[in-house]
Amino acid sequence: MAAADTSRRPPFHVMIVAQAGRLTYEALLFAAAFRHTNPAFPGRLIVAEPQPGARWPGDPRIADADARALLTDAFGAEILPFESRHFGASYPYGNKIEALAALPEGEPFVFFDTDTVITGDLTEVPFDFDRPSASLRVEATWPEIQLYGPGYTQTWKSLYDRFGLDFEASLDTAWPEEYWRRYLYFNAGFFYYRDPAEFGRRFAEYAVSIRDDPPPELVCQSLDPWLDQVALPLVIHALGGGRDALPAGWLDGSHSCHYRVLPLAYAREPQRVIDLMEEVTAPNRIKRVLKAYEPMKRMIYQGKGQKARALFDREALPRKEQVIRNTLKREKLWLR
């Protein structure tokens, strides 16, 4: 992984989404690790927060006042409100789509899921903000091909046709027909572009269209929770990006870790990631707040994470994540 010259690139902003409950404490861990590894970051750290409204039965805002104060006062995050016009409680993953409207228009951004630890200086990452991309740490989760149903080609092509996109140009022809890696597919754990407004408008347009009027080829397919990951490759392709826009090894590699849930982090992530997580959560002002969230209390502060880690050899992990999950559940270490 060669170093890149990013000295002439304009500053960009980092965005996560947080609300009451689990995401509050994940956001605090994200911010602590981010400031530890990016103390001189020139852009803004933005925590987008959904506001009460018709699409939320309760108040989705960050309820823990101490966590809120740490985010803003200790870690310099800016909490920006956004309105849930299309999704809300019925599809919380839609927050990452609608939150883009809170960001400054025309200024480059990188979005991360809150269940991510930033492990390096993000200004070193060779982002080309004119060519968007997203996480390739992904499995064959969608579509689920049915015995008598349409295959990958027919399913994905129906979506590209819906929005007037060049399906053939999206294919990785190094892989055979009807193998999932041939088709453009991302994990929505991170994505980036030069303009959040343009990205967000297209993301919302595609996601709402697919949800409200799916092509017939999707009749047997679930869109919950996959809707964001179904729309995302279409958006990236439409905006001139792709799977090769970001060199491998930087995000989901040397500079970030999308751990997803703490038991999985302890089970399989590199020691440097665990060491960083435990270092940035050790100060008493952070510990006092994070202990309010039971999984962090037990995994980080009561040693359950190290017990989970001892169950696995990181050099010989099970090939399927479900095996890891089942082992953790059997040992009563699956906490989230």
Protein backbone atom coordinates (compact mmCIF):
# COMPACT_ATOMS: atom_id res chain seq x y z
CA MET A 1 0.00 0.00 0.00
CA ALA A 2 1.88 3.04 -1.27
CA ALA A 3 1.62 6.39 0.44
CA ALA A 4 -0.43 8.97 -1.44
CA ASP A 5 0.18 12.70 -1.87
CA THR A 6 -2.91 14.29 -0.33
CA SER A 7 -1.31 17.64 0.51
CA ARG A 8 -3.25 19.60 -2.14
CA ARG A 9 -6.63 18.10 -1.41
CA PRO A 10 -9.19 20.40 0.26
CA PRO A 11 -10.42 19.46 3.75
CA PHE A 12 -13.30 17.03 4.04
CA HIS A 13 -15.81 16.29 6.77
CA VAL A 14 -16.49 13.05 8.65
CA MET A 15 -20.10 12.17 9.46
CA ILE A 16 -21.74 9.57 11.65
CA VAL A 17 -25.37 9.26 12.77
CA ALA A 18 -26.31 8.95 16.45
CA GLN A 19 -29.56 8.76 18.35
CA ALA A 20 -30.87 7.49 21.68
CA GLY A 21 -29.72 4.05 22.78
CA ARG A 22 -26.90 1.93 21.35
CA LEU A 23 -25.82 4.46 18.72
CA THR A 24 -25.12 7.06 21.43
CA TYR A 25 -22.40 4.92 22.98
CA GLU A 26 -21.01 3.68 19.68
CA ALA A 27 -20.75 7.32 18.59
CA LEU A 28 -18.82 8.15 21.75
CA LEU A 29 -16.36 5.31 21.11
CA PHE A 30 -16.05 6.43 17.47
CA ALA A 31 -15.34 10.03 18.48
CA ALA A 32 -12.79 9.02 21.14
CA ALA A 33 -10.83 6.86 18.69
CA PHE A 34 -11.17 9.45 15.92
CA ARG A 35 -9.68 12.27 17.98
CA HIS A 36 -6.95 9.97 19.30
CA THR A 37 -5.78 9.08 15.80
CA ASN A 38 -6.71 12.38 14.10
CA PRO A 39 -5.81 15.12 16.62
CA ALA A 40 -5.17 17.73 13.91
CA PHE A 41 -7.98 16.78 11.53
CA PRO A 42 -8.74 19.90 9.44
CA GLY A 43 -12.38 19.11 8.68
CA ARG A 44 -15.45 18.80 10.89
CA LEU A 45 -16.61 15.77 12.86
CA ILE A 46 -20.37 15.82 12.37
CA VAL A 47 -22.82 13.75 14.41
CA ALA A 48 -26.12 13.86 12.53
CA GLU A 49 -29.13 13.45 14.80
CA PRO A 50 -32.70 12.59 13.72
CA GLN A 51 -35.34 14.90 15.12
CA PRO A 52 -38.78 14.05 16.56
CA GLY A 53 -41.53 13.90 13.97
CA ALA A 54 -44.29 11.86 12.43
CA ARG A 55 -41.95 9.03 11.45
CA TRP A 56 -40.71 8.46 15.01
CA PRO A 57 -43.11 7.20 17.72
CA GLY A 58 -40.83 8.69 20.39
CA ASP A 59 -37.98 11.15 20.61
CA PRO A 60 -34.97 9.71 18.71
CA ARG A 61 -32.49 12.33 19.88
CA ILE A 62 -29.49 11.52 22.09
CA ALA A 63 -30.98 11.22 25.57
CA ASP A 64 -27.80 10.80 27.65
CA ALA A 65 -26.75 14.36 28.53
CA ASP A 66 -23.29 13.27 29.68
CA ALA A 67 -22.64 11.47 26.40
CA ARG A 68 -23.83 14.49 24.48
CA ALA A 69 -21.50 16.76 26.42
CA LEU A 70 -18.51 14.48 25.83
CA LEU A 71 -19.19 14.37 22.10
CA THR A 72 -19.24 18.15 21.78
CA ASP A 73 -16.95 19.39 24.54
CA ALA A 74 -14.31 16.67 24.79
CA PHE A 75 -14.18 15.52 21.17
CA GLY A 76 -15.25 18.63 19.26
CA ALA A 77 -18.12 16.97 17.43
CA GLU A 78 -20.90 19.10 15.95
CA ILE A 79 -24.37 17.65 16.48
CA LEU A 80 -26.48 18.59 13.47
CA PRO A 81 -30.23 17.87 13.28
CA PHE A 82 -31.97 16.35 10.29
CA GLU A 83 -35.58 15.56 9.46
CA SER A 84 -36.79 12.05 8.67
CA ARG A 85 -38.98 12.56 5.61
CA HIS A 86 -38.92 9.06 4.13
CA PHE A 87 -37.79 6.49 6.70
CA GLY A 88 -37.57 7.02 10.47
CA ALA A 89 -38.46 4.20 12.86
CA SER A 90 -39.79 1.94 10.11
CA TYR A 91 -36.31 1.75 8.56
CA PRO A 92 -33.61 3.27 10.81
CA TYR A 93 -30.89 2.42 8.27
CA GLY A 94 -32.43 5.21 6.22
CA ASN A 95 -30.88 7.68 8.66
CA LYS A 96 -27.60 7.51 6.75
CA ILE A 97 -29.47 8.52 3.59
CA GLU A 98 -31.47 11.41 5.02
CA ALA A 99 -28.68 12.69 7.28
CA LEU A 100 -26.69 13.77 4.23
CA ALA A 101 -29.02 16.77 4.00
CA ALA A 102 -27.48 18.10 7.23
CA LEU A 103 -24.00 18.39 5.75
CA PRO A 104 -22.67 21.52 4.03
CA GLU A 105 -23.54 21.37 0.35
CA GLY A 106 -20.66 21.05 -2.09
CA GLU A 107 -18.07 20.06 0.54
CA PRO A 108 -16.50 16.56 0.44
CA PHE A 109 -17.56 14.09 3.12
CA VAL A 110 -16.91 10.58 4.36
CA PHE A 111 -19.72 8.75 6.14
CA PHE A 112 -19.01 5.99 8.65
CA ASP A 113 -21.33 3.73 10.60
CA THR A 114 -20.99 4.39 14.32
CA ASP A 115 -19.85 0.79 14.92
CA THR A 116 -16.47 1.71 13.45
CA VAL A 117 -13.12 2.50 15.04
CA ILE A 118 -10.83 4.94 13.24
CA THR A 119 -7.31 3.57 13.59
CA GLY A 120 -5.25 5.98 11.47
CA ASP A 121 -4.94 9.52 10.14
CA LEU A 122 -7.76 9.87 7.61
CA THR A 123 -5.97 12.69 5.78
CA GLU A 124 -3.52 10.02 4.57
CA VAL A 125 -6.26 8.06 2.79
CA PRO A 126 -6.12 8.68 -0.99
CA PHE A 127 -9.78 9.59 -1.48
CA ASP A 128 -10.74 10.77 -4.96
CA PHE A 129 -13.89 12.64 -4.03
CA ASP A 130 -14.91 12.91 -7.69
CA ARG A 131 -15.19 9.10 -7.82
CA PRO A 132 -17.31 7.80 -4.93
CA SER A 133 -16.95 4.35 -3.45
CA ALA A 134 -17.92 2.37 -0.37
CA SER A 135 -16.89 -0.58 1.76
CA LEU A 136 -16.00 -3.82 0.00
CA ARG A 137 -15.97 -5.74 3.27
CA VAL A 138 -19.14 -7.46 2.21
CA GLU A 139 -20.66 -10.92 1.89
CA ALA A 140 -23.25 -12.29 -0.54
CA THR A 141 -26.19 -11.05 1.52
CA TRP A 142 -28.40 -9.74 -1.32
CA PRO A 143 -30.12 -10.85 -3.45
CA GLU A 144 -31.02 -14.27 -2.08
CA ILE A 145 -31.44 -16.30 -5.24
CA GLN A 146 -34.53 -18.52 -5.24
CA LEU A 147 -34.67 -21.92 -6.92
CA TYR A 148 -37.13 -20.83 -9.62
CA GLY A 149 -36.64 -17.10 -9.36
CA PRO A 150 -34.56 -14.62 -11.35
CA GLY A 151 -30.78 -14.83 -10.95
CA TYR A 152 -28.24 -12.15 -10.11
CA THR A 153 -28.09 -10.74 -13.63
CA GLN A 154 -31.82 -10.40 -14.08
CA THR A 155 -32.33 -8.98 -10.58
CA TRP A 156 -29.59 -6.35 -10.70
CA LYS A 157 -30.26 -5.41 -14.33
CA SER A 158 -33.87 -4.60 -13.47
CA LEU A 159 -32.62 -1.96 -11.04
CA TYR A 160 -30.08 -0.43 -13.42
CA ASP A 161 -32.78 -0.28 -16.10
CA ARG A 162 -35.18 1.40 -13.66
CA PHE A 163 -32.82 4.36 -13.30
CA GLY A 164 -31.39 4.44 -16.83
CA LEU A 165 -27.93 3.22 -15.79
CA ASP A 166 -25.40 1.22 -17.81
CA PHE A 167 -25.59 -2.24 -16.23
CA GLU A 168 -22.83 -3.79 -18.34
CA ALA A 169 -20.34 -1.12 -17.28
CA SER A 170 -20.89 -2.02 -13.63
CA LEU A 171 -19.83 -5.66 -13.98
CA ASP A 172 -16.52 -7.14 -12.89
CA THR A 173 -16.05 -9.60 -15.73
CA ALA A 174 -13.17 -11.32 -13.94
CA TRP A 175 -15.94 -13.25 -12.16
CA PRO A 176 -18.33 -15.64 -13.95
CA GLU A 177 -21.99 -15.07 -14.74
CA GLU A 178 -24.27 -15.56 -11.74
CA TYR A 179 -21.46 -15.34 -9.18
CA TRP A 180 -22.25 -12.54 -6.72
CA ARG A 181 -18.87 -10.78 -6.95
CA ARG A 182 -19.46 -10.04 -10.64
CA TYR A 183 -22.10 -7.49 -9.61
CA LEU A 184 -21.42 -4.14 -7.96
CA TYR A 185 -22.24 -4.52 -4.27
CA PHE A 186 -21.02 -2.67 -1.19
CA ASN A 187 -21.37 -2.66 2.54
CA ALA A 188 -22.80 0.73 3.55
CA GLY A 189 -20.42 0.97 6.53
CA PHE A 190 -18.62 3.83 4.79
CA PHE A 191 -19.05 5.85 1.61
CA TYR A 192 -17.83 9.22 0.35
CA TYR A 193 -18.28 11.84 -2.37
CA ARG A 194 -17.55 15.45 -3.21
CA ASP A 195 -21.10 16.68 -2.48
CA PRO A 196 -23.40 15.25 0.22
CA ALA A 197 -26.45 17.03 -1.19
CA GLU A 198 -26.12 15.44 -4.62
CA PHE A 199 -25.29 12.04 -3.18
CA GLY A 200 -28.15 12.25 -0.68
CA ARG A 201 -30.76 13.31 -3.23
CA ARG A 202 -29.94 10.42 -5.52
CA PHE A 203 -29.66 7.95 -2.63
CA ALA A 204 -33.10 8.95 -1.33
CA GLU A 205 -34.65 8.89 -4.82
CA TYR A 206 -33.39 5.40 -5.59
CA ALA A 207 -34.14 3.93 -2.16
CA VAL A 208 -37.69 5.29 -2.01
CA SER A 209 -38.43 4.14 -5.57
CA ILE A 210 -37.16 0.62 -4.85
CA ARG A 211 -39.07 0.43 -1.55
CA ASP A 212 -42.38 1.79 -2.85
CA ASP A 213 -42.37 0.28 -6.35
CA PRO A 214 -39.87 -2.57 -6.62
CA PRO A 215 -39.37 -4.12 -10.06
CA PRO A 216 -41.15 -7.48 -10.52
CA GLU A 217 -37.76 -9.23 -10.37
CA LEU A 218 -37.58 -8.31 -6.67
CA VAL A 219 -40.85 -10.01 -5.73
CA CYS A 220 -39.10 -12.71 -3.66
CA GLN A 221 -36.43 -10.42 -2.20
CA SER A 222 -36.34 -8.83 1.25
CA LEU A 223 -35.43 -5.15 1.38
CA ASP A 224 -35.23 -4.96 5.17
CA PRO A 225 -32.46 -4.44 6.19
CA TRP A 226 -30.86 -4.46 2.74
CA LEU A 227 -32.48 -1.44 1.08
CA ASP A 228 -29.54 0.91 1.65
CA GLN A 229 -27.09 -1.65 0.25
CA VAL A 230 -29.32 -2.28 -2.76
CA ALA A 231 -29.52 1.42 -3.64
CA LEU A 232 -25.91 2.31 -2.78
CA PRO A 233 -24.13 0.66 -5.75
CA LEU A 234 -26.61 2.28 -8.11
CA VAL A 235 -25.83 5.71 -6.64
CA ILE A 236 -22.08 5.17 -6.80
CA HIS A 237 -22.24 3.91 -10.37
CA ALA A 238 -24.48 6.81 -11.44
CA LEU A 239 -21.99 9.33 -9.99
CA GLY A 240 -19.00 7.85 -11.79
CA GLY A 241 -17.53 5.79 -8.96
CA GLY A 242 -16.97 2.12 -8.51
CA ARG A 243 -15.27 -0.74 -6.72
CA ASP A 244 -11.78 0.37 -7.78
CA ALA A 245 -12.08 4.06 -6.85
CA LEU A 246 -10.29 3.65 -3.50
CA PRO A 247 -7.09 1.60 -3.29
CA ALA A 248 -7.43 -1.44 -1.06
CA GLY A 249 -6.01 -1.61 2.42
CA TRP A 250 -6.78 1.86 3.77
CA LEU A 251 -10.36 1.74 5.06
CA ASP A 252 -11.44 -1.59 6.52
CA GLY A 253 -7.68 -1.98 6.84
CA SER A 254 -4.92 0.21 8.22
CA HIS A 255 -7.07 3.27 8.97
CA SER A 256 -10.50 1.99 10.04
CA CYS A 257 -12.22 -1.09 11.40
CA HIS A 258 -15.96 -1.69 11.00
CA TYR A 259 -16.34 -4.04 13.95
CA ARG A 260 -20.18 -4.07 13.89
CA VAL A 261 -20.75 -5.55 17.37
CA LEU A 262 -18.29 -5.74 20.25
CA PRO A 263 -18.30 -9.54 20.60
CA LEU A 264 -17.30 -9.87 16.94
CA ALA A 265 -14.60 -7.25 17.44
CA TYR A 266 -13.03 -9.19 20.29
CA ALA A 267 -13.41 -12.48 18.45
CA ARG A 268 -11.76 -11.56 15.17
CA GLU A 269 -10.20 -8.10 14.89
CA PRO A 270 -6.42 -7.44 15.06
CA GLN A 271 -4.86 -6.84 18.46
CA ARG A 272 -4.01 -3.24 17.52
CA VAL A 273 -7.75 -2.51 17.14
CA ILE A 274 -8.61 -4.00 20.53
CA ASP A 275 -5.71 -2.16 22.17
CA LEU A 276 -6.91 1.13 20.69
CA MET A 277 -10.52 0.56 21.79
CA GLU A 278 -9.46 -0.21 25.33
CA GLU A 279 -7.01 2.71 25.48
CA VAL A 280 -9.49 5.38 24.39
CA THR A 281 -12.26 4.07 26.65
CA ALA A 282 -10.05 3.91 29.77
CA PRO A 283 -10.28 7.54 31.00
CA ASN A 284 -12.74 7.83 33.88
CA ARG A 285 -14.84 10.54 32.20
CA ILE A 286 -15.50 8.17 29.28
CA LYS A 287 -15.76 5.00 31.35
CA ARG A 288 -18.43 6.55 33.57
CA VAL A 289 -20.66 7.21 30.55
CA LEU A 290 -20.00 4.04 28.55
CA LYS A 291 -20.80 1.85 31.55
CA ALA A 292 -24.42 2.92 31.11
CA TYR A 293 -24.50 0.69 28.02
CA GLU A 294 -24.52 -2.91 29.22
CA PRO A 295 -22.60 -4.54 26.32
CA MET A 296 -19.73 -2.06 26.68
CA LYS A 297 -19.77 -2.38 30.45
CA ARG A 298 -19.45 -6.14 30.29
CA MET A 299 -17.24 -6.54 27.20
CA ILE A 300 -14.75 -3.73 27.80
CA TYR A 301 -14.76 -3.12 31.54
CA GLN A 302 -15.69 -6.48 33.06
CA GLY A 303 -13.42 -8.64 30.91
CA LYS A 304 -16.05 -10.47 28.86
CA GLY A 305 -14.35 -9.26 25.69
CA GLN A 306 -11.10 -10.94 26.58
CA LYS A 307 -12.99 -14.15 27.35
CA ALA A 308 -14.56 -13.96 23.89
CA ARG A 309 -11.15 -13.31 22.34
CA ALA A 310 -9.66 -16.38 23.99
CA LEU A 311 -12.17 -18.61 22.19
CA PHE A 312 -10.71 -17.95 18.73
CA ASP A 313 -7.44 -18.13 16.84
CA ARG A 314 -7.25 -15.00 14.68
CA GLU A 315 -4.97 -16.88 12.29
CA ALA A 316 -7.56 -19.61 11.73
CA LEU A 317 -11.00 -18.07 12.14
CA PRO A 318 -14.09 -19.95 10.95
CA ARG A 319 -14.88 -19.09 7.35
CA LYS A 320 -18.50 -18.28 8.15
CA GLU A 321 -19.40 -15.51 10.55
CA GLN A 322 -22.39 -17.49 11.78
CA VAL A 323 -20.03 -20.04 13.34
CA ILE A 324 -18.40 -17.25 15.36
CA ARG A 325 -21.80 -15.92 16.41
CA ASN A 326 -23.01 -19.36 17.47
CA THR A 327 -19.89 -19.95 19.55
CA LEU A 328 -20.29 -16.62 21.32
CA LYS A 329 -23.98 -17.28 21.96
CA ARG A 330 -23.22 -20.72 23.39
CA GLU A 331 -20.76 -19.13 25.82
CA LYS A 332 -23.30 -16.38 26.67
CA LEU A 333 -20.97 -13.73 25.24
CA TRP A 334 -23.23 -12.44 22.46
CA LEU A 335 -24.05 -8.97 23.80
CA ARG A 336 -25.49 -6.12 21.74
